[in-house]
């Protein structure tokens, strides 16, 4: 149908034209400009060790870190980022969230470090962590993180025992699918986020481990 084809093409062209006005395009454009500005500064300074003033100057060219400095203070941000000054890191939104969490965690008392800090402590800055394993560590503390990992390791140890008894099971389609799914859930969560910390995701994970 010519009318349907024409309508589809028209919508596609309109989408391409309007994309440059979208928030995604604007954010990417801003990030590219920040990268260029930071890279120019880094090239100008060369390979020598940056002073605190130079480090803060470079960090302030990124609105992400300028905001962090205002929220958490120059000293804390400098100490957290002084060894991570690259153009890519300065536009890494997930690194920003992890850095917020790291500073908040380091400022906490011993008991809070043991059980984790309240998620509201970081959400008030709009910086909920996207990397799940990192989030579990900061939100649940040393104790919660160890318990969570031990829970998963318990099932992995059981699986290894089964493999020792029946080595050929590793060639079964069921084993390969379950193993890949489990690895994707656990390790992929550190990059995609919200795979291990959501209630429904924990049900899926428990089902995978049980199978």
N, C-alpha and C. Protein backbone atom coordinates (compact mmCIF):
# COMPACT_ATOMS: atom_id res chain seq x y z
N UNK A 1 0.84 -1.18 0.00
CA UNK A 1 0.00 0.00 0.00
C UNK A 1 0.88 1.25 0.00
N UNK A 2 0.75 2.06 -1.04
CA UNK A 2 1.59 3.25 -1.21
C UNK A 2 1.40 4.25 -0.09
N UNK A 3 0.16 4.41 0.37
CA UNK A 3 -0.14 5.38 1.44
C UNK A 3 0.58 5.00 2.74
N UNK A 4 0.56 3.71 3.08
CA UNK A 4 1.22 3.25 4.30
C UNK A 4 2.73 3.41 4.22
N UNK A 5 3.28 3.08 3.05
CA UNK A 5 4.72 3.21 2.85
C UNK A 5 5.13 4.68 2.95
N UNK A 6 4.35 5.55 2.32
CA UNK A 6 4.65 6.99 2.35
C UNK A 6 4.57 7.53 3.78
N UNK A 7 3.56 7.07 4.53
CA UNK A 7 3.40 7.52 5.91
C UNK A 7 4.59 7.06 6.77
N UNK A 8 5.02 5.81 6.57
CA UNK A 8 6.16 5.28 7.32
C UNK A 8 7.43 6.06 7.04
N UNK A 9 7.68 6.33 5.74
CA UNK A 9 8.86 7.09 5.34
C UNK A 9 8.80 8.50 5.93
N UNK A 10 7.60 9.11 5.88
CA UNK A 10 7.44 10.45 6.42
C UNK A 10 7.74 10.52 7.90
N UNK A 11 7.23 9.52 8.66
CA UNK A 11 7.48 9.47 10.10
C UNK A 11 8.96 9.27 10.38
N UNK A 12 9.63 8.42 9.58
CA UNK A 12 11.06 8.17 9.75
C UNK A 12 11.86 9.45 9.53
N UNK A 13 11.55 10.16 8.44
CA UNK A 13 12.26 11.40 8.14
C UNK A 13 12.02 12.44 9.24
N UNK A 14 10.77 12.54 9.69
CA UNK A 14 10.44 13.49 10.76
C UNK A 14 11.20 13.15 12.04
N UNK A 15 11.31 11.85 12.34
CA UNK A 15 12.03 11.42 13.54
C UNK A 15 13.50 11.82 13.47
N UNK A 16 14.09 11.64 12.28
CA UNK A 16 15.50 11.98 12.10
C UNK A 16 15.73 13.48 12.22
N UNK A 17 14.80 14.26 11.69
CA UNK A 17 14.91 15.72 11.75
C UNK A 17 14.74 16.22 13.18
N UNK A 18 13.79 15.62 13.90
CA UNK A 18 13.48 16.09 15.25
C UNK A 18 14.46 15.58 16.30
N UNK A 19 15.27 14.56 15.95
CA UNK A 19 16.18 13.96 16.93
C UNK A 19 17.14 14.98 17.53
N UNK A 20 17.61 15.93 16.71
CA UNK A 20 18.58 16.91 17.20
C UNK A 20 18.00 17.83 18.27
N UNK A 21 16.67 17.83 18.40
CA UNK A 21 16.04 18.64 19.43
C UNK A 21 15.72 17.82 20.69
N UNK A 22 16.02 16.53 20.64
CA UNK A 22 15.70 15.65 21.77
C UNK A 22 16.70 15.84 22.90
N UNK A 23 16.29 15.44 24.13
CA UNK A 23 17.17 15.57 25.30
C UNK A 23 18.39 14.65 25.15
N UNK A 24 18.20 13.51 24.51
CA UNK A 24 19.32 12.58 24.32
C UNK A 24 20.41 13.21 23.46
N UNK A 25 19.98 13.82 22.35
CA UNK A 25 20.95 14.47 21.46
C UNK A 25 21.64 15.63 22.17
N UNK A 26 20.86 16.43 22.88
CA UNK A 26 21.42 17.60 23.58
C UNK A 26 22.44 17.15 24.63
N UNK A 27 22.13 16.06 25.35
CA UNK A 27 23.04 15.58 26.37
C UNK A 27 24.34 15.07 25.73
N UNK A 28 24.19 14.29 24.63
CA UNK A 28 25.38 13.78 23.95
C UNK A 28 26.24 14.91 23.41
N UNK A 29 25.60 15.94 22.88
CA UNK A 29 26.32 17.09 22.35
C UNK A 29 27.07 17.81 23.46
N UNK A 30 26.40 17.96 24.61
CA UNK A 30 27.04 18.60 25.78
C UNK A 30 28.23 17.79 26.24
N UNK A 31 28.06 16.46 26.30
CA UNK A 31 29.14 15.58 26.74
C UNK A 31 30.33 15.66 25.78
N UNK A 32 30.06 15.71 24.49
CA UNK A 32 31.14 15.82 23.50
C UNK A 32 31.91 17.12 23.66
N UNK A 33 31.18 18.21 23.91
CA UNK A 33 31.84 19.51 24.11
C UNK A 33 32.69 19.49 25.38
N UNK A 34 32.16 18.84 26.44
CA UNK A 34 32.92 18.73 27.69
C UNK A 34 34.18 17.91 27.46
N UNK A 35 34.04 16.81 26.71
CA UNK A 35 35.20 15.96 26.42
C UNK A 35 36.28 16.74 25.68
N UNK A 36 35.87 17.50 24.68
CA UNK A 36 36.84 18.27 23.90
C UNK A 36 37.54 19.31 24.76
N UNK A 37 36.77 19.99 25.60
CA UNK A 37 37.33 21.03 26.47
C UNK A 37 38.31 20.42 27.47
N UNK A 38 37.90 19.30 28.06
CA UNK A 38 38.77 18.64 29.04
C UNK A 38 40.02 18.07 28.39
N UNK A 39 39.84 17.48 27.19
CA UNK A 39 40.99 16.90 26.50
C UNK A 39 41.99 17.98 26.14
N UNK A 40 41.49 19.14 25.74
CA UNK A 40 42.38 20.26 25.41
C UNK A 40 43.18 20.69 26.63
N UNK A 41 42.50 20.74 27.79
CA UNK A 41 43.18 21.10 29.03
C UNK A 41 44.23 20.06 29.41
N UNK A 42 43.86 18.78 29.28
CA UNK A 42 44.78 17.70 29.64
C UNK A 42 46.00 17.69 28.73
N UNK A 43 45.77 17.94 27.43
CA UNK A 43 46.90 17.99 26.48
C UNK A 43 47.82 19.15 26.80
N UNK A 44 47.23 20.26 27.20
CA UNK A 44 48.02 21.46 27.51
C UNK A 44 48.90 21.23 28.75
N UNK A 45 48.34 20.50 29.73
CA UNK A 45 49.08 20.25 30.96
C UNK A 45 50.11 19.13 30.82
N UNK A 46 49.92 18.29 29.78
CA UNK A 46 50.89 17.22 29.53
C UNK A 46 50.77 16.08 30.53
N UNK A 47 51.86 15.32 30.69
CA UNK A 47 51.86 14.13 31.55
C UNK A 47 52.24 14.42 33.00
N UNK A 48 52.57 15.65 33.31
CA UNK A 48 53.01 15.95 34.68
C UNK A 48 51.84 15.80 35.66
N UNK A 49 52.18 15.62 36.92
CA UNK A 49 51.16 15.47 37.95
C UNK A 49 50.42 16.78 38.15
N UNK A 50 49.10 16.70 38.18
CA UNK A 50 48.28 17.90 38.31
C UNK A 50 48.27 18.39 39.76
N UNK A 51 48.25 19.69 39.92
CA UNK A 51 48.09 20.25 41.26
C UNK A 51 46.62 20.15 41.65
N UNK A 52 46.34 20.38 42.90
CA UNK A 52 44.95 20.34 43.37
C UNK A 52 44.12 21.39 42.65
N UNK A 53 44.69 22.58 42.47
CA UNK A 53 43.97 23.66 41.81
C UNK A 53 43.65 23.29 40.36
N UNK A 54 44.63 22.71 39.65
CA UNK A 54 44.42 22.31 38.25
C UNK A 54 43.38 21.20 38.16
N UNK A 55 43.44 20.24 39.09
CA UNK A 55 42.49 19.14 39.09
C UNK A 55 41.07 19.65 39.27
N UNK A 56 40.88 20.55 40.23
CA UNK A 56 39.55 21.11 40.49
C UNK A 56 39.08 21.97 39.32
N UNK A 57 40.04 22.62 38.66
CA UNK A 57 39.70 23.44 37.49
C UNK A 57 39.15 22.56 36.37
N UNK A 58 39.81 21.43 36.15
CA UNK A 58 39.37 20.51 35.10
C UNK A 58 38.03 19.89 35.49
N UNK A 59 37.89 19.48 36.74
CA UNK A 59 36.63 18.88 37.20
C UNK A 59 35.47 19.87 37.04
N UNK A 60 35.73 21.13 37.27
CA UNK A 60 34.68 22.15 37.21
C UNK A 60 34.20 22.42 35.79
N UNK A 61 34.97 21.97 34.78
CA UNK A 61 34.50 22.15 33.40
C UNK A 61 33.36 21.20 33.09
N UNK A 62 33.19 20.16 33.91
CA UNK A 62 32.07 19.23 33.76
C UNK A 62 30.98 19.63 34.75
N UNK A 63 29.77 19.87 34.26
CA UNK A 63 28.71 20.28 35.17
C UNK A 63 28.40 19.17 36.19
N UNK A 64 28.70 17.92 35.83
CA UNK A 64 28.47 16.81 36.76
C UNK A 64 29.34 16.95 38.00
N UNK A 65 30.61 17.26 37.79
CA UNK A 65 31.53 17.38 38.91
C UNK A 65 31.47 18.74 39.58
N UNK A 66 31.07 19.75 38.82
CA UNK A 66 30.86 21.06 39.43
C UNK A 66 29.75 20.96 40.47
N UNK A 67 28.72 20.22 40.12
CA UNK A 67 27.61 20.00 41.05
C UNK A 67 28.08 19.18 42.26
N UNK A 68 28.90 18.16 42.00
CA UNK A 68 29.40 17.32 43.09
C UNK A 68 30.24 18.13 44.07
N UNK A 69 31.06 19.00 43.54
CA UNK A 69 31.89 19.86 44.40
C UNK A 69 31.01 20.73 45.29
N UNK A 70 29.93 21.26 44.72
CA UNK A 70 29.01 22.08 45.50
C UNK A 70 28.28 21.26 46.57
N UNK A 71 27.99 20.00 46.23
CA UNK A 71 27.24 19.13 47.15
C UNK A 71 28.12 18.56 48.27
N UNK A 72 29.33 18.14 47.91
CA UNK A 72 30.15 17.35 48.84
C UNK A 72 31.46 18.03 49.25
N UNK A 73 31.83 19.12 48.60
CA UNK A 73 33.04 19.84 48.99
C UNK A 73 34.23 19.52 48.12
N UNK A 74 35.12 20.49 47.98
CA UNK A 74 36.29 20.36 47.10
C UNK A 74 37.22 19.22 47.53
N UNK A 75 37.54 19.16 48.82
CA UNK A 75 38.52 18.18 49.30
C UNK A 75 38.08 16.75 49.02
N UNK A 76 36.82 16.46 49.32
CA UNK A 76 36.30 15.10 49.13
C UNK A 76 36.33 14.69 47.66
N UNK A 77 35.90 15.59 46.79
CA UNK A 77 35.86 15.29 45.35
C UNK A 77 37.27 15.18 44.80
N UNK A 78 38.15 16.06 45.24
CA UNK A 78 39.55 16.00 44.77
C UNK A 78 40.19 14.67 45.15
N UNK A 79 40.03 14.25 46.40
CA UNK A 79 40.64 13.00 46.86
C UNK A 79 40.07 11.79 46.13
N UNK A 80 38.80 11.85 45.77
CA UNK A 80 38.16 10.73 45.08
C UNK A 80 38.53 10.66 43.60
N UNK A 81 38.85 11.82 43.00
CA UNK A 81 39.02 11.87 41.54
C UNK A 81 40.43 12.20 41.07
N UNK A 82 41.34 12.52 41.96
CA UNK A 82 42.66 13.00 41.54
C UNK A 82 43.43 12.00 40.68
N UNK A 83 43.16 10.71 40.82
CA UNK A 83 43.84 9.69 40.02
C UNK A 83 42.99 9.19 38.86
N UNK A 84 41.87 9.85 38.61
CA UNK A 84 40.94 9.37 37.57
C UNK A 84 40.62 10.45 36.55
N UNK A 85 41.52 11.40 36.38
CA UNK A 85 41.25 12.52 35.48
C UNK A 85 41.51 12.12 34.02
N UNK A 86 40.43 11.76 33.34
CA UNK A 86 40.47 11.53 31.89
C UNK A 86 39.22 12.18 31.30
N UNK A 87 39.27 12.47 30.02
CA UNK A 87 38.13 13.12 29.37
C UNK A 87 36.89 12.23 29.44
N UNK A 88 37.07 10.92 29.28
CA UNK A 88 35.93 10.01 29.33
C UNK A 88 35.32 9.95 30.74
N UNK A 89 36.17 9.86 31.75
CA UNK A 89 35.67 9.78 33.13
C UNK A 89 34.88 11.02 33.52
N UNK A 90 35.27 12.16 32.98
CA UNK A 90 34.61 13.41 33.35
C UNK A 90 33.20 13.53 32.77
N UNK A 91 32.85 12.63 31.86
CA UNK A 91 31.49 12.64 31.32
C UNK A 91 30.77 11.32 31.60
N UNK A 92 31.34 10.52 32.51
CA UNK A 92 30.76 9.22 32.86
C UNK A 92 29.76 9.40 34.00
N UNK A 93 28.49 9.38 33.66
CA UNK A 93 27.44 9.62 34.65
C UNK A 93 27.42 8.55 35.74
N UNK A 94 27.71 7.30 35.37
CA UNK A 94 27.70 6.22 36.36
C UNK A 94 28.88 6.35 37.33
N UNK A 95 30.02 6.80 36.83
CA UNK A 95 31.16 7.04 37.71
C UNK A 95 30.84 8.14 38.71
N UNK A 96 30.12 9.15 38.26
CA UNK A 96 29.71 10.23 39.15
C UNK A 96 28.87 9.68 40.30
N UNK A 97 27.92 8.80 39.97
CA UNK A 97 27.05 8.23 41.00
C UNK A 97 27.84 7.35 41.96
N UNK A 98 28.79 6.58 41.43
CA UNK A 98 29.62 5.75 42.30
C UNK A 98 30.50 6.61 43.21
N UNK A 99 30.97 7.74 42.69
CA UNK A 99 31.82 8.63 43.47
C UNK A 99 31.02 9.29 44.59
N UNK A 100 29.78 9.69 44.30
CA UNK A 100 28.90 10.21 45.35
C UNK A 100 28.77 9.17 46.46
N UNK A 101 28.50 7.92 46.07
CA UNK A 101 28.30 6.85 47.05
C UNK A 101 29.57 6.60 47.85
N UNK A 102 30.71 6.61 47.18
CA UNK A 102 31.98 6.36 47.86
C UNK A 102 32.24 7.42 48.93
N UNK A 103 32.01 8.68 48.58
CA UNK A 103 32.26 9.76 49.54
C UNK A 103 31.29 9.68 50.72
N UNK A 104 30.00 9.42 50.43
CA UNK A 104 29.01 9.30 51.50
C UNK A 104 29.36 8.12 52.41
N UNK A 105 29.79 7.01 51.82
CA UNK A 105 30.15 5.81 52.59
C UNK A 105 31.36 6.07 53.48
N UNK A 106 32.37 6.75 52.92
CA UNK A 106 33.58 7.03 53.69
C UNK A 106 33.32 7.98 54.85
N UNK A 107 32.32 8.81 54.73
CA UNK A 107 31.98 9.75 55.80
C UNK A 107 31.10 9.10 56.88
N UNK A 108 30.63 7.88 56.63
CA UNK A 108 29.72 7.22 57.56
C UNK A 108 30.47 6.63 58.75
N UNK A 109 29.73 6.37 59.83
CA UNK A 109 30.34 5.74 61.00
C UNK A 109 30.50 4.24 60.77
N UNK A 110 31.15 3.55 61.70
CA UNK A 110 31.48 2.13 61.53
C UNK A 110 30.24 1.26 61.39
N UNK A 111 29.21 1.54 62.19
CA UNK A 111 27.98 0.74 62.13
C UNK A 111 27.31 0.89 60.77
N UNK A 112 27.27 2.11 60.26
CA UNK A 112 26.67 2.35 58.94
C UNK A 112 27.45 1.62 57.86
N UNK A 113 28.77 1.63 57.96
CA UNK A 113 29.58 0.90 56.99
C UNK A 113 29.32 -0.60 57.05
N UNK A 114 28.96 -1.09 58.23
CA UNK A 114 28.69 -2.52 58.39
C UNK A 114 27.39 -2.92 57.72
N UNK A 115 26.36 -2.09 57.83
CA UNK A 115 25.04 -2.45 57.30
C UNK A 115 24.60 -1.60 56.11
N UNK A 116 25.42 -0.61 55.72
CA UNK A 116 25.10 0.22 54.57
C UNK A 116 24.37 1.50 54.94
N UNK A 117 24.47 2.52 54.09
CA UNK A 117 23.76 3.77 54.37
C UNK A 117 22.39 3.79 53.71
N UNK A 118 21.51 4.60 54.25
CA UNK A 118 20.16 4.71 53.73
C UNK A 118 20.19 5.21 52.29
N UNK A 119 19.43 4.56 51.42
CA UNK A 119 19.43 4.93 50.01
C UNK A 119 19.03 6.39 49.81
N UNK A 120 18.24 6.91 50.73
CA UNK A 120 17.82 8.31 50.64
C UNK A 120 18.98 9.28 50.75
N UNK A 121 20.10 8.83 51.35
CA UNK A 121 21.27 9.69 51.50
C UNK A 121 21.85 10.10 50.15
N UNK A 122 21.69 9.25 49.16
CA UNK A 122 22.23 9.58 47.84
C UNK A 122 21.12 10.02 46.88
N UNK A 123 19.91 9.53 47.13
CA UNK A 123 18.80 9.90 46.25
C UNK A 123 18.43 11.37 46.38
N UNK A 124 18.78 11.98 47.53
CA UNK A 124 18.47 13.40 47.68
C UNK A 124 19.30 14.25 46.71
N UNK A 125 20.38 13.67 46.19
CA UNK A 125 21.17 14.34 45.15
C UNK A 125 20.75 13.88 43.75
N UNK A 126 19.78 12.95 43.69
CA UNK A 126 19.36 12.40 42.40
C UNK A 126 20.41 11.50 41.79
N UNK A 127 21.15 10.76 42.65
CA UNK A 127 22.30 9.99 42.17
C UNK A 127 22.23 8.51 42.57
N UNK A 128 21.06 7.91 42.49
CA UNK A 128 20.93 6.48 42.80
C UNK A 128 21.88 5.67 41.91
N UNK A 129 22.65 4.78 42.52
CA UNK A 129 23.69 4.04 41.79
C UNK A 129 23.07 3.09 40.77
N UNK A 130 23.62 3.05 39.56
CA UNK A 130 23.12 2.17 38.51
C UNK A 130 23.83 0.83 38.49
N UNK A 131 25.04 0.76 38.99
CA UNK A 131 25.81 -0.48 38.99
C UNK A 131 25.42 -1.32 40.20
N UNK A 132 24.78 -2.47 39.97
CA UNK A 132 24.13 -3.20 41.05
C UNK A 132 25.06 -3.72 42.14
N UNK A 133 26.17 -4.35 41.76
CA UNK A 133 27.07 -4.91 42.76
C UNK A 133 27.65 -3.80 43.64
N UNK A 134 27.97 -2.68 43.01
CA UNK A 134 28.46 -1.52 43.76
C UNK A 134 27.38 -0.99 44.69
N UNK A 135 26.14 -0.93 44.17
CA UNK A 135 25.02 -0.43 44.97
C UNK A 135 24.77 -1.33 46.17
N UNK A 136 24.81 -2.64 45.97
CA UNK A 136 24.60 -3.58 47.07
C UNK A 136 25.65 -3.36 48.15
N UNK A 137 26.89 -3.12 47.76
CA UNK A 137 27.96 -2.89 48.74
C UNK A 137 27.69 -1.64 49.57
N UNK A 138 27.36 -0.53 48.90
CA UNK A 138 27.17 0.73 49.62
C UNK A 138 25.85 0.77 50.39
N UNK A 139 24.77 0.19 49.83
CA UNK A 139 23.47 0.25 50.48
C UNK A 139 23.31 -0.80 51.57
N UNK A 140 23.99 -1.96 51.44
CA UNK A 140 23.86 -3.05 52.42
C UNK A 140 25.10 -3.19 53.30
N UNK A 141 26.16 -2.46 52.96
CA UNK A 141 27.36 -2.49 53.79
C UNK A 141 28.16 -3.78 53.65
N UNK A 142 29.21 -3.88 54.49
CA UNK A 142 30.08 -5.06 54.44
C UNK A 142 29.28 -6.34 54.69
N UNK A 143 28.43 -6.30 55.71
CA UNK A 143 27.68 -7.49 56.11
C UNK A 143 26.70 -7.93 55.02
N UNK A 144 25.92 -6.99 54.53
CA UNK A 144 24.93 -7.31 53.51
C UNK A 144 25.57 -7.82 52.22
N UNK A 145 26.68 -7.20 51.83
CA UNK A 145 27.35 -7.60 50.59
C UNK A 145 27.88 -9.03 50.71
N UNK A 146 28.51 -9.34 51.84
CA UNK A 146 29.05 -10.68 52.05
C UNK A 146 27.93 -11.73 52.05
N UNK A 147 26.82 -11.43 52.73
CA UNK A 147 25.70 -12.37 52.76
C UNK A 147 25.12 -12.59 51.37
N UNK A 148 25.00 -11.52 50.60
CA UNK A 148 24.44 -11.63 49.25
C UNK A 148 25.33 -12.50 48.37
N UNK A 149 26.63 -12.25 48.41
CA UNK A 149 27.57 -13.01 47.59
C UNK A 149 27.64 -14.47 48.06
N UNK A 150 27.61 -14.68 49.39
CA UNK A 150 27.65 -16.05 49.92
C UNK A 150 26.43 -16.84 49.48
N UNK A 151 25.28 -16.18 49.42
CA UNK A 151 24.05 -16.84 48.96
C UNK A 151 24.25 -17.37 47.54
N UNK A 152 24.80 -16.54 46.67
CA UNK A 152 25.03 -16.96 45.29
C UNK A 152 26.11 -18.04 45.22
N UNK A 153 27.18 -17.86 45.99
CA UNK A 153 28.28 -18.83 45.99
C UNK A 153 27.84 -20.21 46.47
N UNK A 154 26.89 -20.24 47.39
CA UNK A 154 26.39 -21.53 47.89
C UNK A 154 25.84 -22.38 46.75
N UNK A 155 25.08 -21.76 45.86
CA UNK A 155 24.50 -22.49 44.74
C UNK A 155 25.57 -22.85 43.70
N UNK A 156 26.55 -21.97 43.54
CA UNK A 156 27.63 -22.26 42.60
C UNK A 156 28.44 -23.46 43.08
N UNK A 157 28.69 -23.55 44.39
CA UNK A 157 29.42 -24.69 44.96
C UNK A 157 28.62 -25.99 44.76
N UNK A 158 27.30 -25.91 44.96
CA UNK A 158 26.46 -27.08 44.72
C UNK A 158 26.53 -27.52 43.27
N UNK A 159 26.54 -26.54 42.36
CA UNK A 159 26.62 -26.85 40.94
C UNK A 159 27.96 -27.51 40.59
N UNK A 160 29.04 -27.01 41.19
CA UNK A 160 30.37 -27.60 40.95
C UNK A 160 30.41 -29.05 41.41
N UNK A 161 29.79 -29.34 42.55
CA UNK A 161 29.74 -30.72 43.05
C UNK A 161 29.00 -31.63 42.07
N UNK A 162 27.91 -31.10 41.50
CA UNK A 162 27.17 -31.88 40.52
C UNK A 162 27.99 -32.14 39.26
N UNK A 163 28.75 -31.13 38.85
CA UNK A 163 29.60 -31.26 37.67
C UNK A 163 30.69 -32.31 37.89
N UNK A 164 31.25 -32.34 39.09
CA UNK A 164 32.28 -33.33 39.42
C UNK A 164 31.70 -34.74 39.32
N UNK A 165 30.46 -34.91 39.78
CA UNK A 165 29.82 -36.21 39.73
C UNK A 165 29.41 -36.60 38.32
N UNK A 166 29.03 -35.60 37.54
CA UNK A 166 28.57 -35.86 36.18
C UNK A 166 29.13 -34.81 35.24
N UNK A 167 30.41 -34.94 34.83
CA UNK A 167 31.07 -33.92 34.00
C UNK A 167 30.37 -33.65 32.68
N UNK A 168 29.68 -34.65 32.14
CA UNK A 168 29.05 -34.49 30.82
C UNK A 168 27.86 -33.52 30.84
N UNK A 169 27.39 -33.17 32.04
CA UNK A 169 26.24 -32.27 32.12
C UNK A 169 26.54 -30.88 31.57
N UNK A 170 27.84 -30.52 31.54
CA UNK A 170 28.19 -29.19 31.04
C UNK A 170 27.92 -29.04 29.55
N UNK A 171 27.71 -30.17 28.85
CA UNK A 171 27.43 -30.12 27.42
C UNK A 171 25.94 -30.11 27.12
N UNK A 172 25.11 -30.18 28.17
CA UNK A 172 23.67 -30.17 27.94
C UNK A 172 23.19 -28.75 27.67
N UNK A 173 22.17 -28.66 26.83
CA UNK A 173 21.64 -27.34 26.49
C UNK A 173 21.09 -26.61 27.69
N UNK A 174 20.43 -27.32 28.60
CA UNK A 174 19.85 -26.71 29.80
C UNK A 174 20.94 -26.09 30.66
N UNK A 175 22.04 -26.82 30.85
CA UNK A 175 23.13 -26.32 31.69
C UNK A 175 23.73 -25.05 31.10
N UNK A 176 23.96 -25.06 29.78
CA UNK A 176 24.59 -23.90 29.14
C UNK A 176 23.68 -22.67 29.20
N UNK A 177 22.38 -22.88 28.99
CA UNK A 177 21.43 -21.75 29.03
C UNK A 177 21.36 -21.17 30.43
N UNK A 178 21.25 -22.05 31.45
CA UNK A 178 21.15 -21.58 32.83
C UNK A 178 22.44 -20.89 33.27
N UNK A 179 23.59 -21.45 32.89
CA UNK A 179 24.87 -20.86 33.27
C UNK A 179 25.05 -19.48 32.65
N UNK A 180 24.71 -19.38 31.36
CA UNK A 180 24.84 -18.10 30.67
C UNK A 180 23.89 -17.06 31.27
N UNK A 181 22.66 -17.50 31.58
CA UNK A 181 21.67 -16.58 32.15
C UNK A 181 22.11 -16.07 33.52
N UNK A 182 22.67 -16.98 34.33
CA UNK A 182 23.13 -16.60 35.67
C UNK A 182 24.30 -15.64 35.59
N UNK A 183 25.26 -15.96 34.71
CA UNK A 183 26.42 -15.08 34.55
C UNK A 183 25.99 -13.70 34.04
N UNK A 184 25.04 -13.69 33.12
CA UNK A 184 24.54 -12.43 32.57
C UNK A 184 23.86 -11.60 33.66
N UNK A 185 23.08 -12.28 34.53
CA UNK A 185 22.37 -11.57 35.59
C UNK A 185 23.33 -10.98 36.62
N UNK A 186 24.35 -11.76 37.01
CA UNK A 186 25.25 -11.31 38.07
C UNK A 186 26.26 -10.29 37.57
N UNK A 187 26.97 -10.65 36.49
CA UNK A 187 28.03 -9.76 36.00
C UNK A 187 27.49 -8.62 35.14
N UNK A 188 26.42 -8.90 34.41
CA UNK A 188 25.82 -7.85 33.59
C UNK A 188 25.19 -6.75 34.42
N UNK A 189 24.78 -7.10 35.65
CA UNK A 189 24.13 -6.12 36.52
C UNK A 189 25.05 -4.96 36.87
N UNK A 190 26.35 -5.21 36.83
CA UNK A 190 27.30 -4.16 37.18
C UNK A 190 27.38 -3.10 36.07
N UNK A 191 26.88 -3.44 34.88
CA UNK A 191 26.93 -2.50 33.76
C UNK A 191 25.55 -1.99 33.36
N UNK A 192 24.52 -2.84 33.50
CA UNK A 192 23.19 -2.41 33.09
C UNK A 192 22.39 -1.85 34.24
N UNK A 193 22.58 -2.37 35.43
CA UNK A 193 21.89 -1.87 36.61
C UNK A 193 20.48 -2.40 36.77
N UNK A 194 19.98 -2.36 38.01
CA UNK A 194 18.61 -2.76 38.35
C UNK A 194 18.28 -4.19 37.98
N UNK A 195 19.26 -5.08 37.95
CA UNK A 195 19.01 -6.50 37.70
C UNK A 195 18.98 -7.30 38.99
N UNK A 196 19.74 -6.89 39.99
CA UNK A 196 19.84 -7.63 41.24
C UNK A 196 19.09 -6.96 42.39
N UNK A 197 18.80 -5.68 42.27
CA UNK A 197 18.22 -4.94 43.40
C UNK A 197 16.71 -4.81 43.33
N UNK A 198 16.10 -5.26 42.26
CA UNK A 198 14.65 -5.18 42.12
C UNK A 198 14.00 -6.47 42.61
N UNK A 199 12.82 -6.37 43.21
CA UNK A 199 12.14 -7.55 43.77
C UNK A 199 11.89 -8.62 42.72
N UNK A 200 11.36 -8.20 41.55
CA UNK A 200 11.07 -9.19 40.51
C UNK A 200 12.35 -9.83 39.99
N UNK A 201 13.43 -9.06 39.90
CA UNK A 201 14.71 -9.60 39.42
C UNK A 201 15.26 -10.62 40.41
N UNK A 202 15.05 -10.41 41.69
CA UNK A 202 15.52 -11.37 42.69
C UNK A 202 14.75 -12.68 42.60
N UNK A 203 13.49 -12.61 42.20
CA UNK A 203 12.71 -13.84 41.99
C UNK A 203 13.30 -14.62 40.82
N UNK A 204 13.65 -13.91 39.74
CA UNK A 204 14.24 -14.58 38.58
C UNK A 204 15.59 -15.20 38.94
N UNK A 205 16.39 -14.44 39.71
CA UNK A 205 17.70 -14.94 40.11
C UNK A 205 17.56 -16.18 40.98
N UNK A 206 16.64 -16.15 41.94
CA UNK A 206 16.42 -17.31 42.81
C UNK A 206 15.98 -18.53 42.00
N UNK A 207 15.15 -18.29 40.99
CA UNK A 207 14.68 -19.40 40.13
C UNK A 207 15.85 -20.00 39.35
N UNK A 208 16.69 -19.14 38.81
CA UNK A 208 17.87 -19.61 38.06
C UNK A 208 18.79 -20.44 38.96
N UNK A 209 19.03 -19.95 40.17
CA UNK A 209 19.91 -20.66 41.11
C UNK A 209 19.31 -22.01 41.49
N UNK A 210 18.00 -22.02 41.71
CA UNK A 210 17.34 -23.27 42.09
C UNK A 210 17.42 -24.31 40.96
N UNK A 211 17.18 -23.86 39.74
CA UNK A 211 17.27 -24.77 38.59
C UNK A 211 18.69 -25.28 38.38
